[in-house]
């Protein structure tokens, strides 16, 4: 489990109630953006998959950062 003291303000922190199905999130380490409209071909996540529906073991496909440390993008 990720220590909450190591998270940035706006981090997902595993709380699916904080995000809508179309919310894009950004990795705080490498700035990779998970876009539900695109999915994630590296992890074979189909387009249309919301961030909250990603498997628990999913990590950033660019740097292996944990999903809890992704930050909500407010467009």
PDB file of N, CA and C in Angstrom:
ATOM      1  N   UNK A   1       0.836  -1.186   0.000  1.00  0.00           N
ATOM      2  CA  UNK A   1       0.000   0.000   0.000  1.00  0.00           C
ATOM      3  C   UNK A   1       0.882   1.251   0.000  1.00  0.00           C
ATOM      4  N   UNK A   2       0.413   2.267  -0.653  1.00  0.00           N
ATOM      5  CA  UNK A   2       1.150   3.518  -0.764  1.00  0.00           C
ATOM      6  C   UNK A   2       0.933   4.357   0.490  1.00  0.00           C
ATOM      7  N   UNK A   3       2.010   4.909   1.002  1.00  0.00           N
ATOM      8  CA  UNK A   3       1.935   5.770   2.179  1.00  0.00           C
ATOM      9  C   UNK A   3       1.341   7.120   1.766  1.00  0.00           C
ATOM     10  N   UNK A   4       0.191   7.529   2.326  1.00  0.00           N
ATOM     11  CA  UNK A   4      -0.453   8.792   1.953  1.00  0.00           C
ATOM     12  C   UNK A   4       0.441  10.017   2.131  1.00  0.00           C
ATOM     13  N   UNK A   5       1.445   9.931   2.979  1.00  0.00           N
ATOM     14  CA  UNK A   5       2.350  11.069   3.185  1.00  0.00           C
ATOM     15  C   UNK A   5       3.223  11.331   1.962  1.00  0.00           C
ATOM     16  N   UNK A   6       3.326  10.337   1.063  1.00  0.00           N
ATOM     17  CA  UNK A   6       4.161  10.481  -0.127  1.00  0.00           C
ATOM     18  C   UNK A   6       3.365  10.917  -1.352  1.00  0.00           C
ATOM     19  N   UNK A   7       2.112  11.272  -1.181  1.00  0.00           N
ATOM     20  CA  UNK A   7       1.255  11.612  -2.314  1.00  0.00           C
ATOM     21  C   UNK A   7       1.103  13.119  -2.456  1.00  0.00           C
ATOM     22  N   UNK A   8       0.913  13.546  -3.698  1.00  0.00           N
ATOM     23  CA  UNK A   8       0.674  14.949  -3.992  1.00  0.00           C
ATOM     24  C   UNK A   8      -0.797  15.288  -3.810  1.00  0.00           C
ATOM     25  N   UNK A   9      -1.082  16.552  -3.558  1.00  0.00           N
ATOM     26  CA  UNK A   9      -2.465  17.044  -3.551  1.00  0.00           C
ATOM     27  C   UNK A   9      -3.073  16.736  -4.912  1.00  0.00           C
ATOM     28  N   UNK A  10      -4.268  16.189  -4.940  1.00  0.00           N
ATOM     29  CA  UNK A  10      -4.923  15.843  -6.197  1.00  0.00           C
ATOM     30  C   UNK A  10      -4.669  14.409  -6.628  1.00  0.00           C
ATOM     31  N   UNK A  11      -3.872  13.662  -5.847  1.00  0.00           N
ATOM     32  CA  UNK A  11      -3.604  12.274  -6.194  1.00  0.00           C
ATOM     33  C   UNK A  11      -4.879  11.452  -6.088  1.00  0.00           C
ATOM     34  N   UNK A  12      -4.985  10.449  -6.928  1.00  0.00           N
ATOM     35  CA  UNK A  12      -6.137   9.551  -6.962  1.00  0.00           C
ATOM     36  C   UNK A  12      -6.286   8.808  -5.638  1.00  0.00           C
ATOM     37  N   UNK A  13      -5.204   8.284  -5.097  1.00  0.00           N
ATOM     38  CA  UNK A  13      -5.143   7.574  -3.819  1.00  0.00           C
ATOM     39  C   UNK A  13      -6.119   6.410  -3.721  1.00  0.00           C
ATOM     40  N   UNK A  14      -6.577   5.867  -4.843  1.00  0.00           N
ATOM     41  CA  UNK A  14      -7.451   4.706  -4.826  1.00  0.00           C
ATOM     42  C   UNK A  14      -8.905   5.007  -4.549  1.00  0.00           C
ATOM     43  N   UNK A  15      -9.284   6.265  -4.456  1.00  0.00           N
ATOM     44  CA  UNK A  15     -10.659   6.648  -4.140  1.00  0.00           C
ATOM     45  C   UNK A  15     -11.445   6.909  -5.424  1.00  0.00           C
ATOM     46  N   UNK A  16     -12.150   5.890  -5.916  1.00  0.00           N
ATOM     47  CA  UNK A  16     -12.888   5.989  -7.183  1.00  0.00           C
ATOM     48  C   UNK A  16     -14.021   7.004  -7.127  1.00  0.00           C
ATOM     49  N   UNK A  17     -14.472   7.363  -5.930  1.00  0.00           N
ATOM     50  CA  UNK A  17     -15.566   8.334  -5.829  1.00  0.00           C
ATOM     51  C   UNK A  17     -15.115   9.741  -6.222  1.00  0.00           C
ATOM     52  N   UNK A  18     -13.798   9.958  -6.305  1.00  0.00           N
ATOM     53  CA  UNK A  18     -13.263  11.279  -6.640  1.00  0.00           C
ATOM     54  C   UNK A  18     -13.252  11.553  -8.136  1.00  0.00           C
ATOM     55  N   UNK A  19     -13.497  10.526  -8.958  1.00  0.00           N
ATOM     56  CA  UNK A  19     -13.340  10.712 -10.399  1.00  0.00           C
ATOM     57  C   UNK A  19     -14.543  10.201 -11.184  1.00  0.00           C
ATOM     58  N   UNK A  20     -14.839  10.889 -12.283  1.00  0.00           N
ATOM     59  CA  UNK A  20     -15.895  10.455 -13.205  1.00  0.00           C
ATOM     60  C   UNK A  20     -15.297   9.450 -14.188  1.00  0.00           C
ATOM     61  N   UNK A  21     -16.159   8.741 -14.909  1.00  0.00           N
ATOM     62  CA  UNK A  21     -15.694   7.727 -15.853  1.00  0.00           C
ATOM     63  C   UNK A  21     -14.829   8.297 -16.968  1.00  0.00           C
ATOM     64  N   UNK A  22     -15.014   9.570 -17.329  1.00  0.00           N
ATOM     65  CA  UNK A  22     -14.239  10.159 -18.426  1.00  0.00           C
ATOM     66  C   UNK A  22     -13.045  10.995 -17.949  1.00  0.00           C
ATOM     67  N   UNK A  23     -12.740  10.935 -16.650  1.00  0.00           N
ATOM     68  CA  UNK A  23     -11.636  11.710 -16.094  1.00  0.00           C
ATOM     69  C   UNK A  23     -10.295  11.172 -16.585  1.00  0.00           C
ATOM     70  N   UNK A  24      -9.424  12.096 -16.993  1.00  0.00           N
ATOM     71  CA  UNK A  24      -8.057  11.749 -17.374  1.00  0.00           C
ATOM     72  C   UNK A  24      -7.165  11.967 -16.157  1.00  0.00           C
ATOM     73  N   UNK A  25      -6.191  11.086 -15.986  1.00  0.00           N
ATOM     74  CA  UNK A  25      -5.272  11.191 -14.856  1.00  0.00           C
ATOM     75  C   UNK A  25      -3.836  11.153 -15.350  1.00  0.00           C
ATOM     76  N   UNK A  26      -2.951  11.832 -14.600  1.00  0.00           N
ATOM     77  CA  UNK A  26      -1.560  11.978 -15.003  1.00  0.00           C
ATOM     78  C   UNK A  26      -0.636  11.368 -13.954  1.00  0.00           C
ATOM     79  N   UNK A  27       0.365  10.630 -14.432  1.00  0.00           N
ATOM     80  CA  UNK A  27       1.376  10.062 -13.541  1.00  0.00           C
ATOM     81  C   UNK A  27       2.230  11.191 -12.972  1.00  0.00           C
ATOM     82  N   UNK A  28       2.396  11.217 -11.666  1.00  0.00           N
ATOM     83  CA  UNK A  28       3.182  12.286 -11.039  1.00  0.00           C
ATOM     84  C   UNK A  28       4.679  12.100 -11.257  1.00  0.00           C
ATOM     85  N   UNK A  29       5.089  10.926 -11.722  1.00  0.00           N
ATOM     86  CA  UNK A  29       6.510  10.651 -11.921  1.00  0.00           C
ATOM     87  C   UNK A  29       6.960  11.029 -13.332  1.00  0.00           C
ATOM     88  N   UNK A  30       6.226  10.542 -14.347  1.00  0.00           N
ATOM     89  CA  UNK A  30       6.684  10.738 -15.729  1.00  0.00           C
ATOM     90  C   UNK A  30       5.713  11.555 -16.581  1.00  0.00           C
ATOM     91  N   UNK A  31       4.601  11.940 -16.037  1.00  0.00           N
ATOM     92  CA  UNK A  31       3.590  12.769 -16.697  1.00  0.00           C
ATOM     93  C   UNK A  31       2.802  12.027 -17.775  1.00  0.00           C
ATOM     94  N   UNK A  32       2.867  10.704 -17.793  1.00  0.00           N
ATOM     95  CA  UNK A  32       2.024   9.932 -18.711  1.00  0.00           C
ATOM     96  C   UNK A  32       0.572  10.223 -18.352  1.00  0.00           C
ATOM     97  N   UNK A  33      -0.269  10.418 -19.359  1.00  0.00           N
ATOM     98  CA  UNK A  33      -1.687  10.681 -19.128  1.00  0.00           C
ATOM     99  C   UNK A  33      -2.497   9.455 -19.519  1.00  0.00           C
ATOM    100  N   UNK A  34      -3.271   8.927 -18.536  1.00  0.00           N
ATOM    101  CA  UNK A  34      -4.213   7.861 -18.861  1.00  0.00           C
ATOM    102  C   UNK A  34      -5.502   8.519 -19.318  1.00  0.00           C
ATOM    103  N   UNK A  35      -5.882   8.230 -20.561  1.00  0.00           N
ATOM    104  CA  UNK A  35      -7.110   8.763 -21.151  1.00  0.00           C
ATOM    105  C   UNK A  35      -8.061   7.595 -21.370  1.00  0.00           C
ATOM    106  N   UNK A  36      -9.210   7.567 -20.679  1.00  0.00           N
ATOM    107  CA  UNK A  36     -10.147   6.459 -20.833  1.00  0.00           C
ATOM    108  C   UNK A  36     -10.594   6.237 -22.277  1.00  0.00           C
ATOM    109  N   UNK A  37     -10.634   7.302 -23.068  1.00  0.00           N
ATOM    110  CA  UNK A  37     -11.039   7.157 -24.470  1.00  0.00           C
ATOM    111  C   UNK A  37     -10.032   6.345 -25.277  1.00  0.00           C
ATOM    112  N   UNK A  38      -8.776   6.313 -24.826  1.00  0.00           N
ATOM    113  CA  UNK A  38      -7.729   5.581 -25.542  1.00  0.00           C
ATOM    114  C   UNK A  38      -7.399   4.239 -24.909  1.00  0.00           C
ATOM    115  N   UNK A  39      -7.671   4.079 -23.615  1.00  0.00           N
ATOM    116  CA  UNK A  39      -7.290   2.848 -22.931  1.00  0.00           C
ATOM    117  C   UNK A  39      -5.780   2.780 -22.777  1.00  0.00           C
ATOM    118  N   UNK A  40      -5.250   1.575 -22.686  1.00  0.00           N
ATOM    119  CA  UNK A  40      -3.808   1.376 -22.528  1.00  0.00           C
ATOM    120  C   UNK A  40      -3.392   0.116 -23.278  1.00  0.00           C
ATOM    121  N   UNK A  41      -2.816   0.269 -24.468  1.00  0.00           N
ATOM    122  CA  UNK A  41      -2.429  -0.904 -25.249  1.00  0.00           C
ATOM    123  C   UNK A  41      -1.320  -1.734 -24.594  1.00  0.00           C
ATOM    124  N   UNK A  42      -0.466  -1.125 -23.779  1.00  0.00           N
ATOM    125  CA  UNK A  42       0.612  -1.867 -23.118  1.00  0.00           C
ATOM    126  C   UNK A  42       0.028  -2.916 -22.172  1.00  0.00           C
ATOM    127  N   UNK A  43      -0.981  -2.525 -21.411  1.00  0.00           N
ATOM    128  CA  UNK A  43      -1.633  -3.427 -20.457  1.00  0.00           C
ATOM    129  C   UNK A  43      -2.876  -4.089 -21.056  1.00  0.00           C
ATOM    130  N   UNK A  44      -3.103  -3.900 -22.343  1.00  0.00           N
ATOM    131  CA  UNK A  44      -4.257  -4.459 -23.062  1.00  0.00           C
ATOM    132  C   UNK A  44      -5.582  -4.018 -22.430  1.00  0.00           C
ATOM    133  N   UNK A  45      -5.649  -2.731 -22.086  1.00  0.00           N
ATOM    134  CA  UNK A  45      -6.868  -2.130 -21.546  1.00  0.00           C
ATOM    135  C   UNK A  45      -7.605  -1.499 -22.723  1.00  0.00           C
ATOM    136  N   UNK A  46      -8.827  -1.944 -23.014  1.00  0.00           N
ATOM    137  CA  UNK A  46      -9.540  -1.425 -24.187  1.00  0.00           C
ATOM    138  C   UNK A  46      -9.993   0.026 -24.018  1.00  0.00           C
ATOM    139  N   UNK A  47     -10.108   0.749 -25.144  1.00  0.00           N
ATOM    140  CA  UNK A  47     -10.662   2.106 -25.095  1.00  0.00           C
ATOM    141  C   UNK A  47     -12.031   2.094 -24.418  1.00  0.00           C
ATOM    142  N   UNK A  48     -12.319   3.160 -23.691  1.00  0.00           N
ATOM    143  CA  UNK A  48     -13.592   3.265 -22.988  1.00  0.00           C
ATOM    144  C   UNK A  48     -13.534   2.768 -21.553  1.00  0.00           C
ATOM    145  N   UNK A  49     -12.359   2.313 -21.101  1.00  0.00           N
ATOM    146  CA  UNK A  49     -12.215   1.812 -19.734  1.00  0.00           C
ATOM    147  C   UNK A  49     -11.876   2.963 -18.792  1.00  0.00           C
ATOM    148  N   UNK A  50     -12.762   3.275 -17.834  1.00  0.00           N
ATOM    149  CA  UNK A  50     -12.455   4.351 -16.885  1.00  0.00           C
ATOM    150  C   UNK A  50     -11.288   3.964 -15.973  1.00  0.00           C
ATOM    151  N   UNK A  51     -10.585   4.964 -15.487  1.00  0.00           N
ATOM    152  CA  UNK A  51      -9.449   4.730 -14.596  1.00  0.00           C
ATOM    153  C   UNK A  51      -9.871   3.898 -13.387  1.00  0.00           C
ATOM    154  N   UNK A  52     -11.050   4.142 -12.872  1.00  0.00           N
ATOM    155  CA  UNK A  52     -11.522   3.417 -11.680  1.00  0.00           C
ATOM    156  C   UNK A  52     -11.753   1.934 -11.951  1.00  0.00           C
ATOM    157  N   UNK A  53     -11.843   1.535 -13.224  1.00  0.00           N
ATOM    158  CA  UNK A  53     -12.068   0.134 -13.575  1.00  0.00           C
ATOM    159  C   UNK A  53     -10.772  -0.599 -13.931  1.00  0.00           C
ATOM    160  N   UNK A  54      -9.636   0.092 -13.855  1.00  0.00           N
ATOM    161  CA  UNK A  54      -8.363  -0.572 -14.138  1.00  0.00           C
ATOM    162  C   UNK A  54      -8.089  -1.615 -13.059  1.00  0.00           C
ATOM    163  N   UNK A  55      -7.411  -2.708 -13.414  1.00  0.00           N
ATOM    164  CA  UNK A  55      -7.110  -3.724 -12.398  1.00  0.00           C
ATOM    165  C   UNK A  55      -6.214  -3.159 -11.291  1.00  0.00           C
ATOM    166  N   UNK A  56      -6.331  -3.716 -10.107  1.00  0.00           N
ATOM    167  CA  UNK A  56      -5.554  -3.243  -8.954  1.00  0.00           C
ATOM    168  C   UNK A  56      -4.051  -3.298  -9.214  1.00  0.00           C
ATOM    169  N   UNK A  57      -3.600  -4.261 -10.014  1.00  0.00           N
ATOM    170  CA  UNK A  57      -2.167  -4.417 -10.269  1.00  0.00           C
ATOM    171  C   UNK A  57      -1.656  -3.507 -11.392  1.00  0.00           C
ATOM    172  N   UNK A  58      -2.547  -2.717 -12.018  1.00  0.00           N
ATOM    173  CA  UNK A  58      -2.142  -1.826 -13.111  1.00  0.00           C
ATOM    174  C   UNK A  58      -1.169  -0.783 -12.587  1.00  0.00           C
ATOM    175  N   UNK A  59      -0.130  -0.506 -13.382  1.00  0.00           N
ATOM    176  CA  UNK A  59       0.847   0.541 -13.076  1.00  0.00           C
ATOM    177  C   UNK A  59       1.046   1.378 -14.320  1.00  0.00           C
ATOM    178  N   UNK A  60       1.678   2.515 -14.174  1.00  0.00           N
ATOM    179  CA  UNK A  60       1.974   3.384 -15.304  1.00  0.00           C
ATOM    180  C   UNK A  60       2.749   2.591 -16.357  1.00  0.00           C
ATOM    181  N   UNK A  61       2.289   2.600 -17.610  1.00  0.00           N
ATOM    182  CA  UNK A  61       2.986   1.844 -18.649  1.00  0.00           C
ATOM    183  C   UNK A  61       4.332   2.452 -19.048  1.00  0.00           C
ATOM    184  N   UNK A  62       4.601   3.665 -18.627  1.00  0.00           N
ATOM    185  CA  UNK A  62       5.863   4.327 -18.972  1.00  0.00           C
ATOM    186  C   UNK A  62       6.942   4.145 -17.899  1.00  0.00           C
ATOM    187  N   UNK A  63       6.548   4.218 -16.611  1.00  0.00           N
ATOM    188  CA  UNK A  63       7.563   4.210 -15.549  1.00  0.00           C
ATOM    189  C   UNK A  63       7.260   3.225 -14.411  1.00  0.00           C
ATOM    190  N   UNK A  64       6.168   2.474 -14.501  1.00  0.00           N
ATOM    191  CA  UNK A  64       5.743   1.531 -13.460  1.00  0.00           C
ATOM    192  C   UNK A  64       5.333   2.208 -12.155  1.00  0.00           C
ATOM    193  N   UNK A  65       4.979   3.493 -12.219  1.00  0.00           N
ATOM    194  CA  UNK A  65       4.474   4.184 -11.036  1.00  0.00           C
ATOM    195  C   UNK A  65       3.136   3.589 -10.604  1.00  0.00           C
ATOM    196  N   UNK A  66       2.875   3.525  -9.301  1.00  0.00           N
ATOM    197  CA  UNK A  66       1.613   2.956  -8.813  1.00  0.00           C
ATOM    198  C   UNK A  66       0.413   3.827  -9.177  1.00  0.00           C
ATOM    199  N   UNK A  67      -0.711   3.194  -9.418  1.00  0.00           N
ATOM    200  CA  UNK A  67      -1.917   3.913  -9.850  1.00  0.00           C
ATOM    201  C   UNK A  67      -2.417   4.904  -8.802  1.00  0.00           C
ATOM    202  N   UNK A  68      -2.143   4.634  -7.529  1.00  0.00           N
ATOM    203  CA  UNK A  68      -2.596   5.526  -6.462  1.00  0.00           C
ATOM    204  C   UNK A  68      -1.947   6.904  -6.546  1.00  0.00           C
ATOM    205  N   UNK A  69      -0.807   7.004  -7.216  1.00  0.00           N
ATOM    206  CA  UNK A  69      -0.100   8.276  -7.289  1.00  0.00           C
ATOM    207  C   UNK A  69      -0.428   9.069  -8.549  1.00  0.00           C
ATOM    208  N   UNK A  70      -1.381   8.591  -9.335  1.00  0.00           N
ATOM    209  CA  UNK A  70      -1.829   9.380 -10.482  1.00  0.00           C
ATOM    210  C   UNK A  70      -2.638  10.560  -9.971  1.00  0.00           C
ATOM    211  N   UNK A  71      -2.518  11.681 -10.665  1.00  0.00           N
ATOM    212  CA  UNK A  71      -3.209  12.905 -10.263  1.00  0.00           C
ATOM    213  C   UNK A  71      -4.345  13.207 -11.225  1.00  0.00           C
ATOM    214  N   UNK A  72      -5.447  13.668 -10.688  1.00  0.00           N
ATOM    215  CA  UNK A  72      -6.617  14.021 -11.481  1.00  0.00           C
ATOM    216  C   UNK A  72      -6.302  15.267 -12.303  1.00  0.00           C
ATOM    217  N   UNK A  73      -6.549  15.189 -13.611  1.00  0.00           N
ATOM    218  CA  UNK A  73      -6.376  16.354 -14.487  1.00  0.00           C
ATOM    219  C   UNK A  73      -7.697  17.093 -14.565  1.00  0.00           C
ATOM    220  N   UNK A  74      -7.667  18.350 -14.256  1.00  0.00           N
ATOM    221  CA  UNK A  74      -8.866  19.180 -14.344  1.00  0.00           C
ATOM    222  C   UNK A  74      -8.768  19.990 -15.624  1.00  0.00           C
ATOM    223  N   UNK A  75      -9.455  19.526 -16.659  1.00  0.00           N
ATOM    224  CA  UNK A  75      -9.410  20.208 -17.965  1.00  0.00           C
ATOM    225  C   UNK A  75     -10.307  21.408 -17.997  1.00  0.00           C
TER     226      UNK A  75
END
